[in-house]
Amino acid sequence: MTLNSFFIVLDGVDGSGTTTHSQLLASFLEYKGFKVHLTREPSKSEIGILLRKYLKNKEIPPTTDALLFAADRDLHYHNEIKKKLDEEYIVISDRYIESSIIYQSLQADRITIEWIKKLNKFVGLPDLTIILDIDPKIALARKTDQDLEKFEDTTFLDKVRDLYLSRAKQEGYYVINSNEIIEFVQEKIQNIVLEKLGIIKK
């Protein structure tokens, strides 16, 4: 990272609004005059495309998911994110390592957080992580049956939410309640980002 670059990740339970708020934040920062690169995980690479297919297939083992996510992220970071940071962009990623830590570690007892961290040890960490918190029942209500992935049910997502909040406290991530109206949630995100960038919002 250079002095003028910054790496932001928005993460949280599926349906919490990470995609919407990543897009809104990117537009806001561009309006403010920053060079912004918006990306997401799974990425647009062939590995990422395969992952999106596998996330709907219950026959794929969670260990395979974890390995594919790590491979996709390694390619994503070195071929896209790092290049943009070196060019002094603000990079915003809709999901990143924390999603793997949360979702894969909860899918199987043999998958530990430490193992996932080791798989991802060659990629850079974000400068700022914001967790969007939401009641899983509300999150699932926002999605259609076609959008649902194999692990998306209320019981599992309750565990996902609890682990996100636990790790946010442990790692010092910001947590924002995304049950509220979009404009209010986005304003909170913008205020956090501007503070971290050393800018007073006007």
N, C-alpha and C. Protein backbone atom coordinates (compact mmCIF):
# COMPACT_ATOMS: atom_id res chain seq x y z
N MET A 1 0.83 -1.21 0.00
CA MET A 1 0.00 0.00 0.00
C MET A 1 0.86 1.26 0.00
N THR A 2 0.53 2.23 -0.82
CA THR A 2 1.22 3.52 -0.81
C THR A 2 0.47 4.47 0.12
N LEU A 3 1.02 5.65 0.33
CA LEU A 3 0.40 6.61 1.23
C LEU A 3 -0.97 7.06 0.74
N ASN A 4 -1.20 7.01 -0.56
CA ASN A 4 -2.46 7.50 -1.11
C ASN A 4 -3.45 6.40 -1.45
N SER A 5 -3.12 5.16 -1.14
CA SER A 5 -4.03 4.06 -1.42
C SER A 5 -4.66 3.57 -0.12
N PHE A 6 -5.77 2.87 -0.24
CA PHE A 6 -6.48 2.40 0.94
C PHE A 6 -7.35 1.23 0.54
N PHE A 7 -7.37 0.19 1.37
CA PHE A 7 -8.08 -1.04 1.05
C PHE A 7 -9.22 -1.24 2.05
N ILE A 8 -10.46 -1.16 1.54
CA ILE A 8 -11.67 -1.25 2.37
C ILE A 8 -12.44 -2.52 2.03
N VAL A 9 -12.91 -3.21 3.06
CA VAL A 9 -13.74 -4.39 2.85
C VAL A 9 -15.06 -4.22 3.59
N LEU A 10 -16.17 -4.50 2.90
CA LEU A 10 -17.47 -4.59 3.54
C LEU A 10 -17.86 -6.06 3.58
N ASP A 11 -18.23 -6.53 4.77
CA ASP A 11 -18.53 -7.95 4.93
C ASP A 11 -19.74 -8.13 5.82
N GLY A 12 -20.27 -9.35 5.88
CA GLY A 12 -21.41 -9.61 6.73
C GLY A 12 -22.24 -10.76 6.20
N VAL A 13 -23.28 -11.10 6.95
CA VAL A 13 -24.21 -12.17 6.56
C VAL A 13 -24.76 -11.88 5.16
N ASP A 14 -24.94 -12.94 4.37
CA ASP A 14 -25.55 -12.76 3.05
C ASP A 14 -26.90 -12.09 3.19
N GLY A 15 -27.13 -11.05 2.39
CA GLY A 15 -28.37 -10.30 2.48
C GLY A 15 -28.26 -9.07 3.36
N SER A 16 -27.06 -8.83 3.90
CA SER A 16 -26.86 -7.68 4.79
C SER A 16 -26.67 -6.38 4.02
N GLY A 17 -26.43 -6.48 2.71
CA GLY A 17 -26.30 -5.28 1.89
C GLY A 17 -24.89 -4.91 1.50
N THR A 18 -23.96 -5.85 1.57
CA THR A 18 -22.56 -5.53 1.25
C THR A 18 -22.40 -5.07 -0.20
N THR A 19 -23.14 -5.69 -1.12
CA THR A 19 -23.02 -5.31 -2.53
C THR A 19 -23.56 -3.91 -2.77
N THR A 20 -24.76 -3.65 -2.27
CA THR A 20 -25.39 -2.33 -2.42
C THR A 20 -24.52 -1.24 -1.82
N HIS A 21 -24.04 -1.46 -0.61
CA HIS A 21 -23.29 -0.41 0.08
C HIS A 21 -21.87 -0.25 -0.47
N SER A 22 -21.29 -1.31 -1.02
CA SER A 22 -19.99 -1.18 -1.69
C SER A 22 -20.13 -0.27 -2.92
N GLN A 23 -21.21 -0.47 -3.67
CA GLN A 23 -21.46 0.34 -4.87
C GLN A 23 -21.72 1.80 -4.51
N LEU A 24 -22.54 2.01 -3.48
CA LEU A 24 -22.84 3.38 -3.04
C LEU A 24 -21.60 4.09 -2.52
N LEU A 25 -20.79 3.36 -1.76
CA LEU A 25 -19.56 3.95 -1.22
C LEU A 25 -18.59 4.31 -2.34
N ALA A 26 -18.46 3.44 -3.33
CA ALA A 26 -17.58 3.72 -4.45
C ALA A 26 -18.02 4.98 -5.19
N SER A 27 -19.31 5.12 -5.43
CA SER A 27 -19.83 6.31 -6.12
C SER A 27 -19.59 7.57 -5.29
N PHE A 28 -19.79 7.46 -3.99
CA PHE A 28 -19.57 8.60 -3.11
C PHE A 28 -18.11 9.06 -3.12
N LEU A 29 -17.19 8.12 -3.02
CA LEU A 29 -15.76 8.47 -2.99
C LEU A 29 -15.29 9.01 -4.34
N GLU A 30 -15.84 8.47 -5.42
CA GLU A 30 -15.52 9.01 -6.75
C GLU A 30 -16.01 10.45 -6.86
N TYR A 31 -17.18 10.73 -6.33
CA TYR A 31 -17.73 12.09 -6.32
C TYR A 31 -16.83 13.02 -5.52
N LYS A 32 -16.19 12.46 -4.50
CA LYS A 32 -15.28 13.25 -3.67
C LYS A 32 -13.91 13.46 -4.35
N GLY A 33 -13.73 12.82 -5.48
CA GLY A 33 -12.50 13.04 -6.24
C GLY A 33 -11.44 11.97 -6.10
N PHE A 34 -11.77 10.87 -5.44
CA PHE A 34 -10.80 9.79 -5.27
C PHE A 34 -10.81 8.85 -6.47
N LYS A 35 -9.67 8.22 -6.72
CA LYS A 35 -9.61 7.12 -7.68
C LYS A 35 -10.07 5.87 -6.93
N VAL A 36 -11.12 5.25 -7.42
CA VAL A 36 -11.74 4.13 -6.71
C VAL A 36 -11.83 2.91 -7.61
N HIS A 37 -11.49 1.76 -7.04
CA HIS A 37 -11.67 0.49 -7.76
C HIS A 37 -12.58 -0.39 -6.92
N LEU A 38 -13.73 -0.78 -7.50
CA LEU A 38 -14.70 -1.63 -6.81
C LEU A 38 -14.56 -3.06 -7.30
N THR A 39 -14.50 -4.00 -6.35
CA THR A 39 -14.38 -5.40 -6.71
C THR A 39 -15.19 -6.24 -5.74
N ARG A 40 -15.14 -7.55 -5.92
CA ARG A 40 -15.95 -8.42 -5.05
C ARG A 40 -15.36 -9.82 -5.02
N GLU A 41 -15.84 -10.61 -4.07
CA GLU A 41 -15.50 -12.04 -4.01
C GLU A 41 -16.78 -12.86 -3.88
N PRO A 42 -16.82 -14.03 -4.54
CA PRO A 42 -15.85 -14.54 -5.49
C PRO A 42 -15.60 -13.54 -6.62
N SER A 43 -14.37 -13.61 -7.15
CA SER A 43 -13.97 -12.64 -8.17
C SER A 43 -14.53 -13.01 -9.53
N LYS A 44 -14.15 -12.25 -10.54
CA LYS A 44 -14.61 -12.50 -11.91
C LYS A 44 -13.70 -13.49 -12.64
N SER A 45 -12.70 -14.04 -11.95
CA SER A 45 -11.80 -15.01 -12.57
C SER A 45 -12.54 -16.32 -12.84
N GLU A 46 -11.90 -17.22 -13.57
CA GLU A 46 -12.51 -18.52 -13.84
C GLU A 46 -12.72 -19.31 -12.55
N ILE A 47 -11.80 -19.12 -11.59
CA ILE A 47 -11.98 -19.79 -10.29
C ILE A 47 -13.21 -19.23 -9.59
N GLY A 48 -13.37 -17.92 -9.65
CA GLY A 48 -14.52 -17.28 -9.02
C GLY A 48 -15.83 -17.71 -9.65
N ILE A 49 -15.83 -17.84 -10.96
CA ILE A 49 -17.04 -18.29 -11.67
C ILE A 49 -17.39 -19.72 -11.25
N LEU A 50 -16.38 -20.58 -11.14
CA LEU A 50 -16.59 -21.95 -10.67
C LEU A 50 -17.15 -21.96 -9.25
N LEU A 51 -16.61 -21.09 -8.41
CA LEU A 51 -17.07 -20.99 -7.02
C LEU A 51 -18.55 -20.64 -6.94
N ARG A 52 -18.97 -19.68 -7.73
CA ARG A 52 -20.38 -19.28 -7.69
C ARG A 52 -21.29 -20.45 -8.06
N LYS A 53 -20.83 -21.30 -8.95
CA LYS A 53 -21.58 -22.50 -9.31
C LYS A 53 -21.59 -23.49 -8.14
N TYR A 54 -20.43 -23.68 -7.53
CA TYR A 54 -20.31 -24.66 -6.45
C TYR A 54 -21.07 -24.24 -5.19
N LEU A 55 -21.25 -22.93 -4.99
CA LEU A 55 -21.93 -22.46 -3.79
C LEU A 55 -23.41 -22.86 -3.77
N LYS A 56 -23.91 -23.33 -4.90
CA LYS A 56 -25.30 -23.80 -4.96
C LYS A 56 -25.38 -25.33 -4.98
N ASN A 57 -24.22 -25.98 -4.91
CA ASN A 57 -24.16 -27.44 -5.01
C ASN A 57 -23.81 -28.05 -3.64
N LYS A 58 -24.77 -28.72 -3.04
CA LYS A 58 -24.58 -29.29 -1.70
C LYS A 58 -23.65 -30.51 -1.70
N GLU A 59 -23.32 -31.02 -2.89
CA GLU A 59 -22.43 -32.18 -2.98
C GLU A 59 -20.96 -31.80 -2.87
N ILE A 60 -20.66 -30.51 -2.99
CA ILE A 60 -19.26 -30.06 -2.92
C ILE A 60 -18.85 -29.94 -1.46
N PRO A 61 -17.76 -30.61 -1.03
CA PRO A 61 -17.34 -30.56 0.37
C PRO A 61 -16.92 -29.15 0.78
N PRO A 62 -17.15 -28.77 2.04
CA PRO A 62 -16.74 -27.45 2.51
C PRO A 62 -15.24 -27.22 2.43
N THR A 63 -14.45 -28.30 2.52
CA THR A 63 -12.99 -28.16 2.38
C THR A 63 -12.64 -27.70 0.96
N THR A 64 -13.37 -28.22 -0.02
CA THR A 64 -13.17 -27.79 -1.41
C THR A 64 -13.52 -26.32 -1.56
N ASP A 65 -14.64 -25.91 -0.96
CA ASP A 65 -15.02 -24.50 -0.97
C ASP A 65 -13.89 -23.63 -0.42
N ALA A 66 -13.36 -24.02 0.73
CA ALA A 66 -12.31 -23.22 1.38
C ALA A 66 -11.07 -23.12 0.52
N LEU A 67 -10.68 -24.22 -0.11
CA LEU A 67 -9.48 -24.21 -0.96
C LEU A 67 -9.70 -23.36 -2.21
N LEU A 68 -10.88 -23.46 -2.79
CA LEU A 68 -11.18 -22.66 -3.98
C LEU A 68 -11.26 -21.17 -3.64
N PHE A 69 -11.87 -20.83 -2.51
CA PHE A 69 -11.92 -19.43 -2.09
C PHE A 69 -10.51 -18.88 -1.91
N ALA A 70 -9.63 -19.67 -1.29
CA ALA A 70 -8.25 -19.22 -1.07
C ALA A 70 -7.52 -19.03 -2.40
N ALA A 71 -7.72 -19.94 -3.33
CA ALA A 71 -7.08 -19.83 -4.64
C ALA A 71 -7.60 -18.60 -5.39
N ASP A 72 -8.92 -18.41 -5.35
CA ASP A 72 -9.52 -17.25 -6.01
C ASP A 72 -9.01 -15.95 -5.40
N ARG A 73 -8.91 -15.94 -4.08
CA ARG A 73 -8.46 -14.72 -3.39
C ARG A 73 -6.99 -14.41 -3.69
N ASP A 74 -6.17 -15.44 -3.75
CA ASP A 74 -4.75 -15.23 -4.04
C ASP A 74 -4.59 -14.59 -5.43
N LEU A 75 -5.33 -15.11 -6.40
CA LEU A 75 -5.30 -14.53 -7.75
C LEU A 75 -5.90 -13.13 -7.74
N HIS A 76 -7.01 -12.97 -7.05
CA HIS A 76 -7.71 -11.69 -6.96
C HIS A 76 -6.82 -10.61 -6.37
N TYR A 77 -6.14 -10.96 -5.28
CA TYR A 77 -5.29 -9.97 -4.61
C TYR A 77 -4.10 -9.58 -5.47
N HIS A 78 -3.36 -10.56 -5.95
CA HIS A 78 -2.12 -10.24 -6.66
C HIS A 78 -2.33 -9.68 -8.06
N ASN A 79 -3.38 -10.12 -8.73
CA ASN A 79 -3.60 -9.67 -10.12
C ASN A 79 -4.51 -8.46 -10.23
N GLU A 80 -5.22 -8.10 -9.15
CA GLU A 80 -6.17 -7.00 -9.25
C GLU A 80 -6.00 -6.01 -8.08
N ILE A 81 -6.24 -6.47 -6.88
CA ILE A 81 -6.25 -5.54 -5.73
C ILE A 81 -4.91 -4.86 -5.53
N LYS A 82 -3.84 -5.65 -5.45
CA LYS A 82 -2.52 -5.06 -5.19
C LYS A 82 -2.10 -4.11 -6.31
N LYS A 83 -2.42 -4.47 -7.55
CA LYS A 83 -2.07 -3.59 -8.67
C LYS A 83 -2.75 -2.24 -8.54
N LYS A 84 -4.01 -2.25 -8.16
CA LYS A 84 -4.75 -0.99 -8.00
C LYS A 84 -4.23 -0.20 -6.79
N LEU A 85 -3.87 -0.87 -5.73
CA LEU A 85 -3.29 -0.17 -4.57
C LEU A 85 -1.96 0.47 -4.95
N ASP A 86 -1.16 -0.24 -5.74
CA ASP A 86 0.12 0.31 -6.20
C ASP A 86 -0.07 1.53 -7.09
N GLU A 87 -1.23 1.59 -7.74
CA GLU A 87 -1.56 2.74 -8.60
C GLU A 87 -2.28 3.85 -7.81
N GLU A 88 -2.30 3.70 -6.48
CA GLU A 88 -2.85 4.69 -5.55
C GLU A 88 -4.37 4.84 -5.66
N TYR A 89 -5.03 3.73 -5.83
CA TYR A 89 -6.49 3.70 -5.80
C TYR A 89 -6.97 3.38 -4.38
N ILE A 90 -8.19 3.81 -4.09
CA ILE A 90 -8.92 3.24 -2.96
C ILE A 90 -9.63 2.01 -3.51
N VAL A 91 -9.35 0.86 -2.93
CA VAL A 91 -9.98 -0.38 -3.38
C VAL A 91 -11.06 -0.76 -2.38
N ILE A 92 -12.25 -1.02 -2.90
CA ILE A 92 -13.38 -1.46 -2.07
C ILE A 92 -13.75 -2.88 -2.52
N SER A 93 -13.70 -3.82 -1.59
CA SER A 93 -14.08 -5.19 -1.94
C SER A 93 -15.34 -5.60 -1.18
N ASP A 94 -16.29 -6.08 -1.95
CA ASP A 94 -17.51 -6.67 -1.41
C ASP A 94 -17.17 -8.10 -1.00
N ARG A 95 -16.80 -8.28 0.29
CA ARG A 95 -16.34 -9.52 0.90
C ARG A 95 -14.85 -9.76 0.66
N TYR A 96 -14.26 -10.50 1.61
CA TYR A 96 -12.83 -10.83 1.51
C TYR A 96 -12.55 -11.98 2.48
N ILE A 97 -11.38 -12.00 3.10
CA ILE A 97 -10.97 -13.14 3.93
C ILE A 97 -11.98 -13.47 5.03
N GLU A 98 -12.55 -12.45 5.64
CA GLU A 98 -13.44 -12.70 6.78
C GLU A 98 -14.61 -13.61 6.39
N SER A 99 -15.09 -13.49 5.16
CA SER A 99 -16.18 -14.37 4.72
C SER A 99 -15.76 -15.84 4.76
N SER A 100 -14.54 -16.12 4.32
CA SER A 100 -14.04 -17.50 4.37
C SER A 100 -13.88 -17.98 5.80
N ILE A 101 -13.31 -17.12 6.64
CA ILE A 101 -13.12 -17.49 8.05
C ILE A 101 -14.46 -17.85 8.69
N ILE A 102 -15.46 -17.04 8.45
CA ILE A 102 -16.76 -17.25 9.08
C ILE A 102 -17.48 -18.45 8.47
N TYR A 103 -17.74 -18.40 7.18
CA TYR A 103 -18.59 -19.41 6.56
C TYR A 103 -17.96 -20.81 6.52
N GLN A 104 -16.69 -20.90 6.10
CA GLN A 104 -16.09 -22.22 5.98
C GLN A 104 -15.81 -22.86 7.35
N SER A 105 -15.41 -22.07 8.33
CA SER A 105 -15.11 -22.65 9.65
C SER A 105 -16.37 -23.18 10.33
N LEU A 106 -17.53 -22.65 9.95
CA LEU A 106 -18.79 -23.10 10.55
C LEU A 106 -19.43 -24.26 9.79
N GLN A 107 -18.90 -24.59 8.62
CA GLN A 107 -19.49 -25.66 7.82
C GLN A 107 -18.99 -27.05 8.21
N ALA A 108 -17.82 -27.10 8.86
CA ALA A 108 -17.28 -28.40 9.24
C ALA A 108 -16.32 -28.24 10.43
N ASP A 109 -16.42 -29.16 11.38
CA ASP A 109 -15.58 -29.07 12.58
C ASP A 109 -14.09 -29.16 12.25
N ARG A 110 -13.76 -29.89 11.19
CA ARG A 110 -12.34 -30.08 10.85
C ARG A 110 -11.73 -28.84 10.19
N ILE A 111 -12.56 -27.88 9.82
CA ILE A 111 -12.05 -26.65 9.23
C ILE A 111 -11.91 -25.61 10.33
N THR A 112 -10.68 -25.26 10.64
CA THR A 112 -10.43 -24.30 11.71
C THR A 112 -10.13 -22.92 11.15
N ILE A 113 -10.31 -21.92 11.98
CA ILE A 113 -9.99 -20.55 11.58
C ILE A 113 -8.50 -20.44 11.25
N GLU A 114 -7.67 -21.10 12.05
CA GLU A 114 -6.22 -21.03 11.83
C GLU A 114 -5.84 -21.64 10.48
N TRP A 115 -6.50 -22.73 10.09
CA TRP A 115 -6.21 -23.35 8.79
C TRP A 115 -6.57 -22.41 7.66
N ILE A 116 -7.72 -21.75 7.78
CA ILE A 116 -8.14 -20.80 6.74
C ILE A 116 -7.16 -19.63 6.66
N LYS A 117 -6.69 -19.16 7.80
CA LYS A 117 -5.70 -18.08 7.80
C LYS A 117 -4.42 -18.52 7.10
N LYS A 118 -3.99 -19.76 7.33
CA LYS A 118 -2.78 -20.26 6.67
C LYS A 118 -2.97 -20.33 5.16
N LEU A 119 -4.15 -20.75 4.72
CA LEU A 119 -4.43 -20.81 3.28
C LEU A 119 -4.33 -19.44 2.63
N ASN A 120 -4.62 -18.41 3.42
CA ASN A 120 -4.67 -17.05 2.89
C ASN A 120 -3.48 -16.19 3.31
N LYS A 121 -2.40 -16.82 3.73
CA LYS A 121 -1.30 -16.06 4.33
C LYS A 121 -0.51 -15.22 3.32
N PHE A 122 -0.71 -15.47 2.03
CA PHE A 122 0.07 -14.73 1.03
C PHE A 122 -0.67 -13.53 0.44
N VAL A 123 -1.85 -13.21 0.95
CA VAL A 123 -2.59 -12.05 0.45
C VAL A 123 -2.55 -10.93 1.50
N GLY A 124 -2.69 -9.70 1.01
CA GLY A 124 -2.65 -8.55 1.90
C GLY A 124 -3.95 -8.39 2.68
N LEU A 125 -3.84 -7.76 3.85
CA LEU A 125 -5.00 -7.54 4.69
C LEU A 125 -5.59 -6.15 4.44
N PRO A 126 -6.89 -5.98 4.66
CA PRO A 126 -7.52 -4.67 4.46
C PRO A 126 -7.02 -3.64 5.46
N ASP A 127 -7.11 -2.37 5.08
CA ASP A 127 -6.84 -1.28 6.02
C ASP A 127 -8.06 -1.01 6.90
N LEU A 128 -9.22 -1.36 6.39
CA LEU A 128 -10.47 -1.12 7.10
C LEU A 128 -11.47 -2.20 6.75
N THR A 129 -12.04 -2.82 7.78
CA THR A 129 -13.10 -3.81 7.59
C THR A 129 -14.35 -3.33 8.32
N ILE A 130 -15.46 -3.28 7.61
CA ILE A 130 -16.74 -2.89 8.20
C ILE A 130 -17.70 -4.07 8.06
N ILE A 131 -18.25 -4.51 9.18
CA ILE A 131 -19.21 -5.61 9.18
C ILE A 131 -20.61 -5.03 9.21
N LEU A 132 -21.43 -5.44 8.24
CA LEU A 132 -22.83 -5.04 8.22
C LEU A 132 -23.64 -6.11 8.94
N ASP A 133 -24.25 -5.73 10.05
CA ASP A 133 -24.96 -6.69 10.89
C ASP A 133 -26.46 -6.64 10.61
N ILE A 134 -27.07 -7.82 10.53
CA ILE A 134 -28.50 -7.89 10.22
C ILE A 134 -29.09 -9.16 10.82
N ASP A 135 -30.35 -9.12 11.19
CA ASP A 135 -31.07 -10.30 11.63
C ASP A 135 -31.18 -11.25 10.43
N PRO A 136 -30.71 -12.50 10.57
CA PRO A 136 -30.76 -13.44 9.44
C PRO A 136 -32.14 -13.61 8.82
N LYS A 137 -33.18 -13.51 9.62
CA LYS A 137 -34.54 -13.64 9.06
C LYS A 137 -34.81 -12.52 8.06
N ILE A 138 -34.36 -11.31 8.37
CA ILE A 138 -34.53 -10.18 7.46
C ILE A 138 -33.64 -10.37 6.23
N ALA A 139 -32.42 -10.86 6.45
CA ALA A 139 -31.48 -11.08 5.34
C ALA A 139 -32.05 -12.08 4.34
N LEU A 140 -32.60 -13.18 4.84
CA LEU A 140 -33.14 -14.21 3.94
C LEU A 140 -34.39 -13.71 3.21
N ALA A 141 -35.15 -12.85 3.87
CA ALA A 141 -36.36 -12.30 3.24
C ALA A 141 -36.02 -11.42 2.05
N ARG A 142 -34.78 -10.90 2.01
CA ARG A 142 -34.36 -10.04 0.91
C ARG A 142 -33.96 -10.82 -0.34
N LYS A 143 -33.85 -12.15 -0.21
CA LYS A 143 -33.34 -12.96 -1.32
C LYS A 143 -34.44 -13.83 -1.91
N THR A 144 -34.33 -14.11 -3.20
CA THR A 144 -35.24 -15.04 -3.86
C THR A 144 -34.69 -16.45 -3.73
N ASP A 145 -35.51 -17.46 -4.04
CA ASP A 145 -35.06 -18.85 -3.96
C ASP A 145 -33.88 -19.10 -4.89
N GLN A 146 -33.87 -18.42 -6.04
CA GLN A 146 -32.78 -18.61 -7.00
C GLN A 146 -31.46 -18.03 -6.48
N ASP A 147 -31.55 -17.04 -5.60
CA ASP A 147 -30.34 -16.40 -5.07
C ASP A 147 -29.71 -17.19 -3.92
N LEU A 148 -30.50 -18.05 -3.29
CA LEU A 148 -30.03 -18.74 -2.09
C LEU A 148 -28.88 -19.69 -2.39
N GLU A 149 -27.90 -19.72 -1.48
CA GLU A 149 -26.78 -20.64 -1.59
C GLU A 149 -26.98 -21.78 -0.61
N LYS A 150 -26.14 -22.81 -0.69
CA LYS A 150 -26.41 -24.06 0.01
C LYS A 150 -26.44 -23.95 1.53
N PHE A 151 -25.76 -22.95 2.09
CA PHE A 151 -25.72 -22.84 3.54
C PHE A 151 -26.68 -21.78 4.08
N GLU A 152 -27.58 -21.29 3.26
CA GLU A 152 -28.42 -20.19 3.69
C GLU A 152 -29.75 -20.66 4.28
N ASP A 153 -29.73 -20.88 5.59
CA ASP A 153 -30.95 -21.11 6.35
C ASP A 153 -30.77 -20.37 7.68
N THR A 154 -31.86 -20.12 8.37
CA THR A 154 -31.82 -19.27 9.56
C THR A 154 -30.92 -19.83 10.64
N THR A 155 -30.98 -21.13 10.88
CA THR A 155 -30.17 -21.75 11.95
C THR A 155 -28.68 -21.53 11.71
N PHE A 156 -28.25 -21.79 10.47
CA PHE A 156 -26.83 -21.62 10.15
C PHE A 156 -26.44 -20.15 10.18
N LEU A 157 -27.28 -19.29 9.61
CA LEU A 157 -26.94 -17.87 9.56
C LEU A 157 -26.94 -17.21 10.93
N ASP A 158 -27.69 -17.75 11.88
CA ASP A 158 -27.61 -17.26 13.26
C ASP A 158 -26.19 -17.48 13.81
N LYS A 159 -25.61 -18.63 13.50
CA LYS A 159 -24.23 -18.93 13.92
C LYS A 159 -23.25 -18.02 13.19
N VAL A 160 -23.52 -17.79 11.91
CA VAL A 160 -22.67 -16.90 11.11
C VAL A 160 -22.67 -15.50 11.72
N ARG A 161 -23.84 -15.00 12.03
CA ARG A 161 -23.94 -13.66 12.62
C ARG A 161 -23.19 -13.59 13.94
N ASP A 162 -23.37 -14.58 14.80
CA ASP A 162 -22.71 -14.58 16.10
C ASP A 162 -21.18 -14.56 15.95
N LEU A 163 -20.68 -15.34 14.99
CA LEU A 163 -19.23 -15.39 14.80
C LEU A 163 -18.70 -14.08 14.20
N TYR A 164 -19.46 -13.48 13.29
CA TYR A 164 -19.07 -12.16 12.76
C TYR A 164 -18.93 -11.15 13.90
N LEU A 165 -19.91 -11.12 14.78
CA LEU A 165 -19.89 -10.14 15.88
C LEU A 165 -18.77 -10.44 16.86
N SER A 166 -18.53 -11.72 17.12
CA SER A 166 -17.45 -12.11 18.02
C SER A 166 -16.09 -11.72 17.45
N ARG A 167 -15.88 -12.00 16.17
CA ARG A 167 -14.60 -11.66 15.55
C ARG A 167 -14.43 -10.15 15.37
N ALA A 168 -15.53 -9.46 15.14
CA ALA A 168 -15.45 -8.00 15.02
C ALA A 168 -14.94 -7.40 16.32
N LYS A 169 -15.43 -7.91 17.42
CA LYS A 169 -14.98 -7.42 18.73
C LYS A 169 -13.52 -7.79 18.96
N GLN A 170 -13.16 -8.99 18.57
CA GLN A 170 -11.78 -9.48 18.74
C GLN A 170 -10.78 -8.72 17.87
N GLU A 171 -11.17 -8.45 16.62
CA GLU A 171 -10.25 -7.86 15.64
C GLU A 171 -10.37 -6.33 15.54
N GLY A 172 -11.36 -5.76 16.21
CA GLY A 172 -11.53 -4.30 16.17
C GLY A 172 -12.20 -3.80 14.90
N TYR A 173 -13.03 -4.64 14.28
CA TYR A 173 -13.76 -4.21 13.09
C TYR A 173 -14.92 -3.30 13.50
N TYR A 174 -15.31 -2.43 12.59
CA TYR A 174 -16.50 -1.61 12.80
C TYR A 174 -17.73 -2.46 12.49
N VAL A 175 -18.79 -2.27 13.26
CA VAL A 175 -20.05 -2.98 13.05
C VAL A 175 -21.16 -1.96 12.87
N ILE A 176 -21.93 -2.12 11.80
CA ILE A 176 -23.06 -1.21 11.53
C ILE A 176 -24.33 -2.03 11.35
N ASN A 177 -25.39 -1.62 12.02
CA ASN A 177 -26.68 -2.27 11.88
C ASN A 177 -27.27 -1.94 10.52
N SER A 178 -27.42 -2.96 9.66
CA SER A 178 -27.94 -2.71 8.31
C SER A 178 -29.42 -3.04 8.19
N ASN A 179 -30.10 -3.22 9.33
CA ASN A 179 -31.55 -3.38 9.32
C ASN A 179 -32.23 -2.06 8.98
N GLU A 180 -31.50 -0.95 9.18
CA GLU A 180 -32.07 0.38 9.01
C GLU A 180 -32.13 0.78 7.53
N ILE A 181 -32.70 1.94 7.24
CA ILE A 181 -32.85 2.37 5.85
C ILE A 181 -31.48 2.56 5.21
N ILE A 182 -31.43 2.32 3.91
CA ILE A 182 -30.16 2.32 3.17
C ILE A 182 -29.39 3.62 3.36
N GLU A 183 -30.07 4.75 3.24
CA GLU A 183 -29.40 6.05 3.31
C GLU A 183 -28.72 6.26 4.66
N PHE A 184 -29.37 5.81 5.71
CA PHE A 184 -28.83 5.97 7.06
C PHE A 184 -27.61 5.09 7.26
N VAL A 185 -27.70 3.86 6.79
CA VAL A 185 -26.58 2.92 6.89
C VAL A 185 -25.39 3.43 6.08
N GLN A 186 -25.66 3.90 4.86
CA GLN A 186 -24.58 4.38 4.00
C GLN A 186 -23.89 5.59 4.60
N GLU A 187 -24.65 6.47 5.22
CA GLU A 187 -24.05 7.65 5.84
C GLU A 187 -23.08 7.25 6.95
N LYS A 188 -23.45 6.24 7.72
CA LYS A 188 -22.55 5.75 8.78
C LYS A 188 -21.27 5.19 8.18
N ILE A 189 -21.41 4.43 7.09
CA ILE A 189 -20.23 3.87 6.42
C ILE A 189 -19.34 4.99 5.90
N GLN A 190 -19.94 5.98 5.25
CA GLN A 190 -19.17 7.10 4.71
C GLN A 190 -18.41 7.85 5.81
N ASN A 191 -19.06 8.06 6.93
CA ASN A 191 -18.42 8.78 8.03
C ASN A 191 -17.20 8.03 8.56
N ILE A 192 -17.32 6.71 8.68
CA ILE A 192 -16.19 5.90 9.14
C ILE A 192 -15.03 5.99 8.16
N VAL A 193 -15.35 5.83 6.87
CA VAL A 193 -14.30 5.85 5.83
C VAL A 193 -13.62 7.21 5.78
N LEU A 194 -14.39 8.28 5.80
CA LEU A 194 -13.80 9.62 5.74
C LEU A 194 -12.93 9.90 6.96
N GLU A 195 -13.35 9.42 8.11
CA GLU A 195 -12.53 9.59 9.31
C GLU A 195 -11.20 8.87 9.16
N LYS A 196 -11.26 7.65 8.62
CA LYS A 196 -10.02 6.88 8.42
C LYS A 196 -9.11 7.52 7.37
N LEU A 197 -9.73 8.19 6.41
CA LEU A 197 -8.94 8.87 5.37
C LEU A 197 -8.49 10.26 5.82
N GLY A 198 -8.92 10.66 7.02
CA GLY A 198 -8.53 11.95 7.57
C GLY A 198 -9.25 13.12 6.94
N ILE A 199 -10.53 12.90 6.54
CA ILE A 199 -11.32 13.94 5.88
C ILE A 199 -12.56 14.24 6.68
N ILE A 200 -12.92 15.52 6.78
CA ILE A 200 -14.14 15.91 7.43
C ILE A 200 -15.24 15.99 6.38
N LYS A 201 -16.36 15.29 6.64
CA LYS A 201 -17.45 15.26 5.67
C LYS A 201 -18.14 16.62 5.61
N LYS A 202 -18.42 17.11 4.39
CA LYS A 202 -19.12 18.38 4.20
C LYS A 202 -20.50 18.13 3.61
